[in-house]
Protein backbone atom coordinates (compact mmCIF):
# COMPACT_ATOMS: atom_id res chain seq x y z
CA MET A 1 8.83 63.18 3.53
CA SER A 2 11.21 61.28 5.80
CA ILE A 3 11.26 57.49 5.72
CA LYS A 4 9.90 57.45 9.29
CA ASP A 5 6.99 59.72 8.37
CA ASP A 6 6.27 57.52 5.35
CA LEU A 7 6.17 54.41 7.56
CA ILE A 8 3.80 56.14 9.98
CA LYS A 9 1.57 57.46 7.20
CA ARG A 10 1.17 53.96 5.73
CA GLY A 11 0.34 52.36 9.09
CA ILE A 12 3.55 50.35 9.29
CA VAL A 13 4.35 51.93 12.65
CA GLN A 14 1.51 50.86 14.93
CA LYS A 15 0.63 51.91 18.46
CA GLY A 16 -0.92 49.65 21.08
CA HIS A 17 0.37 46.89 23.34
CA PHE A 18 2.58 44.30 21.67
CA LYS A 19 4.61 41.29 22.72
CA LEU A 20 7.54 41.40 20.31
CA SER A 21 9.27 38.34 18.86
CA SER A 22 12.12 39.09 21.31
CA GLY A 23 9.68 38.47 24.18
CA PHE A 24 9.73 42.11 25.27
CA HIS A 25 6.58 44.22 25.43
CA SER A 26 6.25 47.58 23.66
CA ASN A 27 3.66 50.24 22.94
CA VAL A 28 4.97 50.51 19.35
CA TYR A 29 5.24 47.82 16.69
CA ILE A 30 7.05 48.34 13.41
CA ASN A 31 5.35 45.94 10.97
CA LYS A 32 8.26 45.76 8.56
CA ASP A 33 6.60 42.99 6.54
CA SER A 34 4.00 45.52 5.41
CA ILE A 35 6.75 47.50 3.66
CA TYR A 36 6.83 44.82 0.96
CA LEU A 37 3.14 45.43 0.18
CA HIS A 38 4.02 48.92 -1.07
CA PRO A 39 6.41 48.54 -4.04
CA ASP A 40 7.37 52.22 -4.04
CA LEU A 41 8.19 52.17 -0.33
CA TYR A 42 10.02 48.84 -0.64
CA GLU A 43 12.13 50.30 -3.45
CA ARG A 44 12.79 53.43 -1.38
CA VAL A 45 13.94 51.42 1.64
CA VAL A 46 16.28 49.28 -0.50
CA ASP A 47 17.63 52.40 -2.26
CA GLU A 48 18.26 54.22 1.03
CA ILE A 49 19.94 51.22 2.64
CA THR A 50 22.09 50.82 -0.49
CA ASP A 51 23.04 54.52 -0.37
CA LEU A 52 23.97 54.11 3.30
CA ILE A 53 26.12 51.06 2.50
CA VAL A 54 27.97 52.92 -0.26
CA ALA A 55 28.54 55.90 2.07
CA LYS A 56 29.79 53.87 5.04
CA VAL A 57 31.89 50.96 3.75
CA SER A 58 34.61 50.69 1.14
CA LYS A 59 34.63 48.05 -1.60
CA GLN A 60 37.37 46.23 0.33
CA GLU A 61 35.05 46.04 3.36
CA LEU A 62 32.19 44.69 1.25
CA GLU A 63 32.81 41.34 -0.39
CA ALA A 64 29.37 39.90 0.39
CA VAL A 65 25.99 40.82 1.86
CA ILE A 66 24.44 38.65 4.56
CA GLY A 67 20.76 38.53 5.48
CA LEU A 68 19.27 36.75 8.47
CA GLU A 69 16.70 34.03 7.87
CA LYS A 70 13.35 35.42 6.81
CA GLY A 71 13.35 38.87 8.44
CA SER A 72 16.00 40.71 6.49
CA MET A 73 16.26 38.55 3.38
CA PRO A 74 13.85 40.72 1.33
CA LEU A 75 16.15 43.70 2.00
CA ALA A 76 19.53 42.03 1.79
CA GLY A 77 18.98 40.30 -1.56
CA PRO A 78 18.05 43.43 -3.55
CA ALA A 79 20.72 45.49 -1.75
CA ALA A 80 23.35 42.90 -2.73
CA ILE A 81 22.29 43.28 -6.36
CA MET A 82 22.49 47.08 -6.09
CA VAL A 83 26.06 46.97 -4.70
CA ASP A 84 27.04 44.13 -7.07
CA ARG A 85 28.07 41.68 -4.36
CA PRO A 86 27.08 38.09 -3.57
CA PHE A 87 24.11 37.57 -1.28
CA MET A 88 24.02 34.83 1.35
CA TYR A 89 21.75 34.22 4.29
CA ALA A 90 22.03 32.66 7.70
CA ASP A 91 19.60 29.91 8.70
CA LYS A 92 18.33 29.93 12.25
CA LYS A 93 18.87 26.58 13.98
CA GLY A 94 17.50 26.67 17.51
CA LYS A 95 19.10 29.70 19.14
CA ALA A 96 22.08 29.87 16.77
CA PHE A 97 22.68 30.81 13.15
CA THR A 98 24.29 28.51 10.62
CA PHE A 99 25.22 28.74 6.95
CA ARG A 100 24.82 26.22 4.17
CA LYS A 101 28.06 24.58 3.07
CA SER A 102 28.32 26.59 -0.16
CA TYR A 103 27.84 29.81 1.81
CA SER A 104 30.29 28.76 4.52
CA GLU A 105 32.99 28.27 1.92
CA ASN A 106 32.30 31.72 0.46
CA ILE A 107 32.34 33.51 3.83
CA ALA A 108 35.76 32.28 4.94
CA GLY A 109 38.31 35.07 4.62
CA LYS A 110 35.75 37.60 3.33
CA ALA A 111 34.69 41.00 4.60
CA VAL A 112 30.90 40.97 4.83
CA ILE A 113 28.10 43.24 5.95
CA ILE A 114 24.87 42.16 7.61
CA ILE A 115 21.53 43.70 6.75
CA GLU A 116 18.82 43.45 9.42
CA ASP A 117 15.33 44.89 9.39
CA ILE A 118 14.66 46.12 12.94
CA ILE A 119 17.12 46.02 15.86
CA THR A 120 15.70 45.81 19.37
CA THR A 121 18.22 44.05 21.62
CA GLY A 122 20.88 42.95 19.12
CA LYS A 123 20.93 39.35 20.40
CA SER A 124 20.20 37.81 16.98
CA LEU A 125 22.92 39.90 15.40
CA SER A 126 25.43 38.85 18.06
CA LYS A 127 24.69 35.22 17.20
CA ALA A 128 24.99 35.88 13.46
CA ILE A 129 28.30 37.70 13.93
CA LYS A 130 29.62 34.76 15.97
CA ALA A 131 28.60 32.32 13.22
CA ILE A 132 30.39 34.42 10.58
CA ARG A 133 33.51 34.76 12.73
CA ASP A 134 33.50 31.03 13.41
CA LEU A 135 33.75 30.61 9.62
CA LYS A 136 36.71 33.04 9.56
CA GLY A 137 34.67 35.81 7.97
CA LYS A 138 34.93 39.44 9.05
CA VAL A 139 31.77 41.47 9.67
CA THR A 140 32.56 45.08 8.76
CA ALA A 141 29.18 46.73 9.37
CA ILE A 142 25.51 46.20 10.20
CA PHE A 143 22.73 48.05 8.35
CA CYS A 144 19.06 48.22 9.30
CA ILE A 145 15.83 50.08 8.72
CA TRP A 146 15.25 51.02 12.35
CA ASN A 147 17.50 50.77 15.40
CA ARG A 148 14.90 50.76 18.22
CA ASN A 149 17.71 51.02 20.78
CA LYS A 150 19.46 54.23 19.78
CA HIS A 151 22.06 53.78 22.53
CA LEU A 152 23.20 50.57 20.83
CA LYS A 153 25.83 51.80 18.35
CA LYS A 154 27.84 48.58 18.02
CA ILE A 155 27.21 44.88 18.40
CA SER A 156 30.19 42.64 19.11
CA GLY A 157 32.42 45.55 18.07
CA VAL A 158 30.65 46.07 14.72
CA ASN A 159 29.16 49.49 13.85
CA ILE A 160 25.42 49.80 13.28
CA TYR A 161 24.08 52.14 10.58
CA SER A 162 20.34 52.68 10.37
CA LEU A 163 17.85 54.62 8.30
CA ILE A 164 16.02 55.48 11.53
CA ASP A 165 17.94 55.66 14.79
CA GLU A 166 15.26 56.34 17.35
CA ARG A 167 14.49 54.62 20.59
CA VAL A 168 11.20 52.83 20.86
CA ASP A 169 10.63 51.70 24.43
CA TYR A 170 10.30 48.04 25.29
CA TRP A 171 10.08 46.24 28.61
CA LYS A 172 10.13 42.83 30.23
CA LYS A 173 6.60 41.61 30.95
CA SER A 174 7.25 41.86 34.69
CA VAL A 175 7.64 45.65 34.50
CA CYS A 176 5.28 46.40 31.60
CA LEU A 177 2.95 49.23 32.61
CA LEU A 178 0.44 48.18 29.97
CA CYS A 179 0.23 44.69 31.50
CA LYS A 180 -0.22 46.23 34.95
CA LYS A 181 -3.23 48.13 33.54
CA ASN A 182 -4.58 44.79 32.20
CA ILE A 183 -4.35 45.98 28.62
CA ARG A 184 -4.27 42.91 26.37
CA TYR A 185 -1.33 42.57 24.03
CA THR A 186 -0.97 41.44 20.45
CA LYS A 187 1.67 38.75 20.08
CA ILE A 188 4.07 39.29 17.20
CA LYS A 189 5.60 36.16 15.67
C-alpha cells in the first residue's frame, strides 16, 4: 500500500472545509500529528524520508538536519539519527525563525537539509532558509511528507523532495467556494 493510501485509510487525510494554519481554506486537511499515534506508520514515514534523503543528497551535502519548531521536529530528530547527523531546530519568533546560540555556531559553514511535514505555500521554509543563510549555512535540500503544491519544486533555489507530491487545492477566504455556500470551516492551529 502506498504511503498516501495508508494515510487515507487511517483517517489522517480528512475531507471537509478547513481553515489551515497558513490562513488559506481547503477541502482537504492532512492531520500529520495523527501519524505519531500510529507507531508503525510513524516508523514508516521516518524510514521513507530517510531513504529519500540518502537517495538525493551526498554525505558532503548533509552535515546536519534541521527541523522547524514543533511541526517537523518529530520527523527531523529520528531522521537525523538514521543518517547519523546532528539534529537542530529553528524556533519561531514572530514571523521569523531563529536558532539558539549553540545551534547557530554549528550551522555556520555547514551544508544542512530541512525536514518539513506538509508544504502548502512554502513561506515558512523561505523564512527558515533565510535564517540559515544569515548564519552562513547552506541549505542543500528540503524533504517533506506531502507537498500540497506540486508545482512548487524549489523554495529560495533549494530543491524539494517529498514522499507525496500531489496538489491539494487551497484558496483565500475571499474566493473559497465552500464559504460562499455557507459551509462552516474547522480552524486548524
